[in-house]
Protein backbone atom coordinates (compact mmCIF):
# COMPACT_ATOMS: atom_id res chain seq x y z
CA MET A 1 -17.00 -21.49 34.07
CA SER A 2 -17.64 -24.17 31.48
CA THR A 3 -18.94 -23.32 28.04
CA ALA A 4 -22.16 -25.18 28.80
CA SER A 5 -22.94 -23.05 31.85
CA ARG A 6 -21.73 -19.71 30.49
CA PRO A 7 -24.64 -17.33 29.81
CA SER A 8 -25.22 -16.41 26.18
CA THR A 9 -23.95 -13.00 25.06
CA SER A 10 -25.18 -13.31 21.47
CA PRO A 11 -27.31 -10.41 20.27
CA ALA A 12 -31.02 -11.09 19.98
CA ILE A 13 -30.91 -11.00 16.20
CA HIS A 14 -28.89 -14.23 16.22
CA GLN A 15 -31.25 -16.10 18.52
CA ALA A 16 -34.07 -18.08 16.97
CA PRO A 17 -37.59 -17.02 17.96
CA GLN A 18 -39.43 -19.45 20.23
CA GLY A 19 -41.31 -22.29 18.58
CA ARG A 20 -41.16 -23.68 15.07
CA VAL A 21 -38.68 -21.96 12.73
CA ASP A 22 -40.00 -20.87 9.36
CA PRO A 23 -37.30 -21.85 6.80
CA GLN A 24 -38.22 -18.77 4.79
CA ALA A 25 -37.07 -16.62 7.72
CA VAL A 26 -33.51 -18.00 7.71
CA THR A 27 -30.89 -15.99 5.82
CA ILE A 28 -28.18 -17.44 3.59
CA SER A 29 -25.80 -17.08 6.55
CA GLY A 30 -28.11 -19.09 8.82
CA ILE A 31 -29.49 -16.21 10.90
CA VAL A 32 -33.09 -16.72 11.98
CA LEU A 33 -35.02 -13.47 11.63
CA HIS A 34 -37.78 -12.21 13.88
CA PRO A 35 -41.09 -11.34 12.22
CA SER A 36 -40.51 -7.64 12.91
CA TYR A 37 -38.05 -5.28 14.53
CA GLY A 38 -38.77 -2.20 16.61
CA PRO A 39 -37.94 -0.45 19.91
CA GLY A 40 -39.26 -3.36 21.94
CA GLN A 41 -39.01 -6.37 19.62
CA PRO A 42 -36.45 -7.77 20.07
CA PRO A 43 -35.39 -5.71 23.11
CA GLU A 44 -31.82 -4.95 21.96
CA SER A 45 -32.55 -4.05 18.34
CA LEU A 46 -33.07 -0.31 18.72
CA ARG A 47 -32.06 0.29 22.31
CA HIS A 48 -29.15 2.62 21.44
CA VAL A 49 -30.29 4.24 18.21
CA ASP A 50 -28.59 7.58 18.79
CA ARG A 51 -25.27 5.95 19.61
CA GLU A 52 -25.33 3.10 17.09
CA ILE A 53 -27.12 4.70 14.14
CA PRO A 54 -26.37 8.43 14.17
CA THR A 55 -26.92 10.74 11.22
CA PRO A 56 -24.85 10.07 8.06
CA GLY A 57 -21.30 11.38 8.25
CA THR A 58 -21.23 11.11 12.04
CA PHE A 59 -18.97 8.71 13.97
CA PRO A 60 -19.12 5.69 13.84
CA TYR A 61 -20.54 6.19 10.32
CA THR A 62 -23.13 3.41 10.39
CA ARG A 63 -25.25 5.28 7.84
CA GLY A 64 -22.36 6.38 5.66
CA LEU A 65 -19.11 8.29 5.69
CA PHE A 66 -20.44 11.59 4.34
CA PRO A 67 -23.46 13.70 5.36
CA GLU A 68 -24.87 14.04 1.83
CA GLY A 69 -23.82 10.64 0.54
CA TYR A 70 -23.91 10.14 -3.21
CA ARG A 71 -25.33 13.61 -3.88
CA THR A 72 -21.82 14.99 -3.55
CA ARG A 73 -19.92 12.13 -5.21
CA LEU A 74 -21.24 9.07 -7.03
CA TRP A 75 -19.65 5.70 -6.40
CA THR A 76 -16.86 4.70 -8.78
CA MET A 77 -17.95 2.13 -11.38
CA ARG A 78 -15.50 -0.44 -12.68
CA GLN A 79 -15.52 -3.35 -15.10
CA PHE A 80 -12.91 -6.04 -14.66
CA ALA A 81 -10.76 -6.58 -17.75
CA GLY A 82 -7.72 -8.65 -18.58
CA PHE A 83 -7.05 -11.39 -21.09
CA GLY A 84 -4.22 -12.48 -23.37
CA SER A 85 -1.41 -10.05 -24.02
CA ALA A 86 -0.94 -6.52 -22.72
CA ASP A 87 -1.95 -5.24 -26.17
CA ASP A 88 -5.21 -7.22 -26.06
CA THR A 89 -6.15 -5.81 -22.66
CA ASN A 90 -5.12 -2.28 -23.64
CA LYS A 91 -7.61 -2.43 -26.50
CA ARG A 92 -10.27 -3.59 -24.06
CA PHE A 93 -9.47 -0.75 -21.63
CA LYS A 94 -9.80 1.80 -24.41
CA TYR A 95 -13.10 0.29 -25.51
CA LEU A 96 -14.51 0.47 -21.98
CA LEU A 97 -13.38 4.07 -21.55
CA SER A 98 -14.88 5.00 -24.93
CA GLN A 99 -18.25 3.67 -23.76
CA ALA A 100 -18.10 6.00 -20.76
CA LYS A 101 -18.12 9.24 -22.75
CA GLY A 102 -21.03 11.37 -21.67
CA THR A 103 -22.07 8.84 -18.99
CA LYS A 104 -21.16 7.91 -15.44
CA ALA A 105 -20.09 4.38 -16.47
CA ASN A 106 -16.54 3.01 -16.25
CA THR A 107 -15.01 5.79 -14.19
CA GLY A 108 -12.10 3.52 -13.28
CA LEU A 109 -10.17 0.58 -14.71
CA SER A 110 -9.87 -2.76 -12.93
CA THR A 111 -7.00 -4.99 -14.03
CA ALA A 112 -7.12 -8.80 -13.97
CA PHE A 113 -3.79 -10.64 -14.14
CA ASP A 114 -3.29 -14.20 -15.33
CA LEU A 115 -2.32 -17.01 -12.95
CA PRO A 116 1.43 -17.02 -13.74
CA THR A 117 1.57 -13.27 -12.99
CA LEU A 118 -0.43 -13.79 -9.79
CA MET A 119 2.08 -16.44 -8.74
CA GLY A 120 5.10 -14.27 -9.61
CA ARG A 121 6.18 -16.30 -12.64
CA ASP A 122 7.25 -15.14 -16.09
CA SER A 123 5.22 -16.24 -19.09
CA ASP A 124 8.12 -18.36 -20.40
CA ASP A 125 8.44 -20.34 -17.16
CA GLU A 126 7.63 -24.00 -17.88
CA LEU A 127 5.21 -24.00 -14.94
CA SER A 128 3.21 -21.28 -16.74
CA THR A 129 2.39 -23.56 -19.65
CA GLY A 130 -1.30 -23.48 -20.55
CA GLU A 131 -2.11 -20.56 -18.25
CA VAL A 132 -0.51 -17.56 -19.99
CA GLY A 133 -3.08 -14.87 -20.72
CA LYS A 134 -5.91 -17.05 -19.44
CA CYS A 135 -8.36 -15.43 -16.99
CA GLY A 136 -6.18 -12.31 -16.95
CA VAL A 137 -3.41 -10.40 -18.68
CA ALA A 138 0.19 -11.68 -18.74
CA ILE A 139 2.70 -9.18 -17.34
CA SER A 140 6.37 -10.12 -17.05
CA THR A 141 8.31 -6.93 -17.80
CA ILE A 142 8.04 -3.16 -17.61
CA GLU A 143 7.58 -3.18 -21.39
CA ASP A 144 4.42 -5.23 -20.84
CA MET A 145 3.27 -2.58 -18.36
CA HIS A 146 3.86 0.19 -20.90
CA ARG A 147 1.79 -1.66 -23.50
CA LEU A 148 -0.96 -2.43 -20.99
CA TYR A 149 -1.62 1.25 -20.22
CA ALA A 150 -0.45 2.78 -23.50
CA ASP A 151 -2.26 6.05 -24.38
CA ILE A 152 -4.36 5.82 -21.22
CA PRO A 153 -4.13 8.94 -19.00
CA VAL A 154 -3.36 7.14 -15.75
CA ASP A 155 -3.10 10.50 -13.97
CA GLN A 156 -6.80 11.06 -14.79
CA VAL A 157 -8.26 7.53 -14.61
CA THR A 158 -8.05 5.53 -11.38
CA VAL A 159 -6.59 2.06 -11.79
CA SER A 160 -7.29 -1.00 -9.64
CA GLN A 161 -4.80 -3.87 -9.77
CA THR A 162 -5.89 -7.29 -8.51
CA ILE A 163 -2.52 -8.67 -7.47
CA ASN A 164 -1.29 -9.99 -4.12
CA GLY A 165 1.83 -12.17 -3.75
CA PRO A 166 3.96 -10.17 -6.25
CA ALA A 167 2.04 -6.92 -5.67
CA ALA A 168 5.17 -4.96 -4.68
CA VAL A 169 6.90 -5.92 -7.95
CA ILE A 170 3.90 -5.28 -10.20
CA TRP A 171 3.24 -1.91 -8.54
CA ALA A 172 6.93 -1.01 -8.90
CA MET A 173 6.62 -1.67 -12.64
CA TYR A 174 3.52 0.53 -12.76
CA LEU A 175 5.23 3.39 -10.93
CA ALA A 176 8.33 3.10 -13.09
CA MET A 177 6.13 3.13 -16.20
CA ALA A 178 4.43 6.32 -15.01
CA ARG A 179 7.77 8.01 -14.25
CA GLN A 180 9.14 7.08 -17.68
CA ARG A 181 6.05 8.69 -19.22
CA GLY A 182 6.69 11.84 -17.21
CA ILE A 183 3.69 11.34 -14.91
CA ALA A 184 4.22 12.40 -11.30
CA TRP A 185 3.42 9.83 -8.63
CA ASP A 186 1.37 12.29 -6.60
CA THR A 187 -1.16 12.44 -9.47
CA LEU A 188 -1.73 8.67 -9.58
CA GLY A 189 -4.94 7.34 -8.10
CA GLY A 190 -5.98 3.72 -7.68
CA THR A 191 -5.90 0.65 -5.51
CA LEU A 192 -3.47 -2.22 -5.11
CA GLN A 193 -5.20 -5.30 -3.72
CA ASN A 194 -2.03 -6.41 -1.92
CA ASP A 195 -3.96 -8.46 0.69
CA ILE A 196 -1.91 -11.58 1.23
CA LEU A 197 -3.65 -12.84 4.38
CA LYS A 198 -6.89 -13.62 2.57
CA GLU A 199 -4.84 -15.75 0.15
CA PHE A 200 -4.00 -18.04 3.05
CA HIS A 201 -7.70 -18.09 4.05
CA SER A 202 -9.31 -18.72 0.70
CA GLN A 203 -7.62 -18.19 -2.65
CA ASN A 204 -4.24 -19.88 -2.05
CA GLU A 205 -2.30 -17.66 -4.46
CA PHE A 206 0.52 -16.97 -2.02
CA ILE A 207 4.23 -17.27 -2.79
CA TYR A 208 6.00 -16.81 0.57
CA PRO A 209 5.13 -17.83 4.16
CA PRO A 210 2.83 -15.49 6.11
CA GLU A 211 5.48 -13.44 7.97
CA PRO A 212 7.60 -12.37 4.96
CA SER A 213 4.42 -11.92 2.94
CA VAL A 214 3.03 -9.47 5.50
CA LYS A 215 6.41 -7.68 5.56
CA LEU A 216 6.04 -6.99 1.83
CA VAL A 217 2.55 -5.60 2.42
CA VAL A 218 3.87 -3.28 5.14
CA ASP A 219 6.79 -2.22 2.88
CA THR A 220 4.25 -1.24 0.24
CA ILE A 221 2.02 0.62 2.71
CA GLU A 222 5.03 2.56 4.01
CA PHE A 223 6.23 3.47 0.51
CA GLN A 224 2.75 4.60 -0.54
CA SER A 225 2.31 6.79 2.53
CA ARG A 226 5.54 8.63 1.68
CA PHE A 227 5.49 8.87 -2.10
CA VAL A 228 2.08 8.07 -3.66
CA PRO A 229 -0.44 9.96 -1.51
CA ARG A 230 -3.56 9.34 -3.65
CA TRP A 231 -3.09 5.57 -3.88
CA ASN A 232 -4.86 2.96 -1.73
CA SER A 233 -2.00 0.71 -0.67
CA VAL A 234 -4.05 -2.36 0.26
CA SER A 235 -7.59 -3.55 -0.37
CA ILE A 236 -8.39 -5.75 2.60
CA SER A 237 -10.60 -8.35 0.99
CA GLY A 238 -13.54 -10.34 2.24
CA TYR A 239 -14.86 -11.01 -1.25
CA HIS A 240 -12.76 -14.10 -1.85
CA ILE A 241 -13.51 -15.44 1.62
CA ARG A 242 -17.23 -15.25 0.83
CA GLU A 243 -16.74 -16.83 -2.59
CA ALA A 244 -14.89 -19.70 -0.87
CA GLY A 245 -18.01 -20.51 1.16
CA SER A 246 -18.09 -18.31 4.25
CA THR A 247 -21.20 -16.72 5.72
CA ALA A 248 -21.60 -12.93 5.78
CA ILE A 249 -20.55 -12.86 9.43
CA GLN A 250 -17.44 -14.96 8.80
CA GLU A 251 -16.54 -12.75 5.83
CA LEU A 252 -16.74 -9.71 8.07
CA ALA A 253 -14.85 -11.29 10.97
CA PHE A 254 -11.90 -12.57 8.94
CA THR A 255 -11.61 -9.37 6.91
CA LEU A 256 -11.63 -7.03 9.89
CA ARG A 257 -9.05 -9.15 11.70
CA ASP A 258 -6.83 -9.15 8.60
CA GLY A 259 -7.04 -5.35 8.58
CA MET A 260 -6.07 -5.23 12.23
CA GLU A 261 -3.06 -7.46 11.51
CA TYR A 262 -1.79 -5.00 8.88
CA VAL A 263 -2.36 -2.05 11.19
CA GLU A 264 -0.48 -3.74 14.03
CA ALA A 265 2.38 -4.74 11.72
CA CYS A 266 2.70 -1.11 10.56
CA LEU A 267 2.69 0.13 14.15
CA GLU A 268 5.42 -2.38 15.04
CA ARG A 269 7.42 -0.92 12.14
CA GLY A 270 7.22 2.42 13.95
CA MET A 271 4.81 4.14 11.55
CA ASP A 272 2.37 6.73 12.85
CA ILE A 273 -1.14 5.38 12.39
CA ASP A 274 -2.46 8.57 10.83
CA SER A 275 0.29 8.45 8.20
CA PHE A 276 -1.11 5.32 6.56
CA ALA A 277 -4.60 4.49 7.86
CA PRO A 278 -6.51 6.97 5.63
CA ARG A 279 -5.40 5.04 2.53
CA LEU A 280 -6.40 1.58 3.74
CA SER A 281 -9.43 0.27 1.86
CA PHE A 282 -11.71 -2.75 1.96
CA PHE A 283 -13.37 -5.09 -0.53
CA PHE A 284 -16.58 -6.98 0.23
CA ASN A 285 -18.99 -9.35 -1.47
CA SER A 286 -22.65 -8.47 -2.06
CA HIS A 287 -24.75 -11.64 -2.14
CA ASN A 288 -28.46 -12.36 -2.60
CA GLU A 289 -29.60 -11.70 0.97
CA PHE A 290 -30.54 -8.07 0.36
CA PHE A 291 -30.95 -6.64 3.87
CA GLU A 292 -28.22 -8.81 5.36
CA GLU A 293 -25.68 -7.40 2.91
CA ILE A 294 -26.72 -3.81 3.68
CA CYS A 295 -26.44 -4.49 7.40
CA LYS A 296 -23.04 -6.17 6.95
CA LEU A 297 -21.54 -3.10 5.29
CA ARG A 298 -23.04 -0.75 7.87
CA ALA A 299 -21.76 -2.91 10.75
CA ALA A 300 -18.30 -3.14 9.17
CA ARG A 301 -18.01 0.61 8.96
CA ARG A 302 -19.07 1.02 12.60
CA ILE A 303 -16.73 -1.66 13.96
CA TRP A 304 -13.72 -0.37 12.01
CA ALA A 305 -14.26 3.24 13.06
CA ARG A 306 -14.37 2.32 16.72
CA MET A 307 -11.40 0.01 16.39
CA MET A 308 -9.23 2.65 14.76
CA LYS A 309 -10.20 5.37 17.23
CA ASP A 310 -10.42 3.46 20.51
CA ARG A 311 -7.98 0.54 20.14
CA TYR A 312 -5.29 2.10 17.94
CA GLY A 313 -5.66 5.75 18.91
CA ALA A 314 -6.00 7.25 15.45
CA ARG A 315 -6.69 11.00 15.67
CA ASN A 316 -7.37 11.88 12.04
CA GLU A 317 -11.05 11.38 11.24
CA ARG A 318 -10.17 9.92 7.84
CA SER A 319 -8.24 7.18 9.63
CA TRP A 320 -11.58 6.07 11.09
CA PHE A 321 -13.21 5.76 7.66
CA MET A 322 -13.79 2.34 6.16
CA LYS A 323 -13.71 3.02 2.43
CA THR A 324 -14.99 -0.01 0.62
CA HIS A 325 -15.23 -1.48 -2.85
CA VAL A 326 -18.02 -4.00 -3.36
CA GLN A 327 -18.41 -6.64 -6.05
CA THR A 328 -21.56 -8.59 -6.74
CA ALA A 329 -21.38 -12.30 -5.92
CA GLY A 330 -19.89 -14.36 -8.72
CA CYS A 331 -20.71 -17.59 -6.90
CA SER A 332 -24.42 -16.74 -7.03
CA LEU A 333 -24.58 -16.59 -10.84
CA THR A 334 -25.96 -19.44 -12.94
CA GLU A 335 -24.46 -20.70 -16.17
CA GLN A 336 -27.68 -22.24 -17.43
CA GLN A 337 -29.86 -19.09 -17.35
CA PRO A 338 -27.52 -16.14 -17.82
CA LEU A 339 -30.29 -13.59 -18.36
CA ASN A 340 -31.54 -14.23 -14.82
CA ASN A 341 -28.14 -13.07 -13.60
CA ILE A 342 -29.05 -9.52 -14.61
CA VAL A 343 -31.72 -9.44 -11.90
CA ARG A 344 -29.43 -11.03 -9.30
CA VAL A 345 -26.66 -8.54 -10.00
CA ALA A 346 -29.10 -5.60 -9.94
CA TYR A 347 -30.32 -6.52 -6.44
CA GLN A 348 -26.79 -7.16 -5.22
CA ALA A 349 -25.60 -3.83 -6.63
CA MET A 350 -28.50 -2.04 -4.96
CA ALA A 351 -27.57 -3.62 -1.63
CA ALA A 352 -23.96 -2.43 -2.08
CA VAL A 353 -25.10 1.12 -2.80
CA LEU A 354 -27.56 1.22 0.09
CA GLY A 355 -24.80 -0.19 2.27
CA GLY A 356 -22.67 2.85 1.39
CA CYS A 357 -19.92 1.55 -0.93
CA GLN A 358 -17.39 3.94 -2.48
CA SER A 359 -16.70 1.76 -5.50
CA LEU A 360 -18.80 -0.90 -7.21
CA HIS A 361 -18.03 -3.77 -9.60
CA THR A 362 -21.04 -5.49 -11.13
CA ASP A 363 -20.57 -8.93 -12.64
CA SER A 364 -21.70 -9.38 -16.23
CA MET A 365 -24.55 -11.75 -16.93
CA ASP A 366 -22.37 -14.26 -18.79
CA GLU A 367 -19.20 -14.27 -16.67
CA THR A 368 -19.85 -17.89 -15.73
CA LEU A 369 -19.23 -18.76 -19.40
CA GLY A 370 -16.19 -16.64 -20.15
CA LEU A 371 -15.21 -13.04 -20.78
CA PRO A 372 -18.26 -10.75 -20.92
CA THR A 373 -19.67 -10.39 -24.42
CA GLU A 374 -20.24 -7.00 -26.03
CA GLN A 375 -23.96 -7.45 -25.44
CA ALA A 376 -23.35 -7.98 -21.73
CA VAL A 377 -21.21 -4.89 -21.19
CA THR A 378 -23.24 -2.37 -23.22
CA GLU A 379 -26.84 -1.22 -23.23
CA GLN A 380 -27.74 -3.19 -26.35
CA PRO A 381 -31.34 -4.48 -26.41
CA PHE A 382 -31.94 -8.21 -26.19
């Protein structure tokens, strides 16, 4: 059957209503919305409510992973930090943690690395000229790693590391640093981004071809599952795909397929799916289209749960969970009117929370200009 004669299988939500299209009813991703949704309009929207949208904490977790949601555990809050030397960033980490005393803010650290580190180059490499310590912290040795987390109780504070191509090496430095400080690996909690496939899609910070790059990811997943049980070995990332210009649907499609590639590579290695799947995590963008972003996160959770259970045969319920970190959309912020960004980020953060995120990163109002100012990262009045 030719494409032209094949009947449409698109869900009703993606089909434009009959007649003239109101441009105000078109989402950022190009989906034309119906005026209202109910059991009979459009016909498919609520036809299988019990199956598709069960109570929270019930497979396939459309409405959230846990029955009582945030009443039992609040989402983790992180602020991205990294600039200059390891000593500079260590001071920043300590400042952020000091602001959290007596509050729920900054319950985890998120580490930004500079471009030479992201590309696996030392700071004294001639190709690193002009980029050392810019847009992230420069890490070349284990001594740098010691200075980066000096006096920070990494067995009590979760640490996120935004690193991909050289993730195995950077994480090895981190683990060696912890061991030299006498900190057991089974007490360490955090997330290694370690998602190389999205680098080929969007960010282009890859070092090796796809096959050996994925092998390194699988090596890391296998090591984590055996020795660092509280760590999330990979953060399968749609955020960068969205920032590169994708729609919400494309972000979801590419990210889920990337996750499936890692799962299949681990299974080919001979790993049992329930030995590693519970520590896989995801990372999504939250843009300005409020309800679309909520729906995206709910759909992602449902699709992943079914995929893990039905396609890959995972038996452990936690293997079905899609745990996700969400960051507000940097590409939506304006340089000219930074105060307006506060409202944008607030709506985007609310969408992430209503979508059921486990961890949330909110952009500062002035991140389009440079590192967030003290005014932007504290509750100082304007």
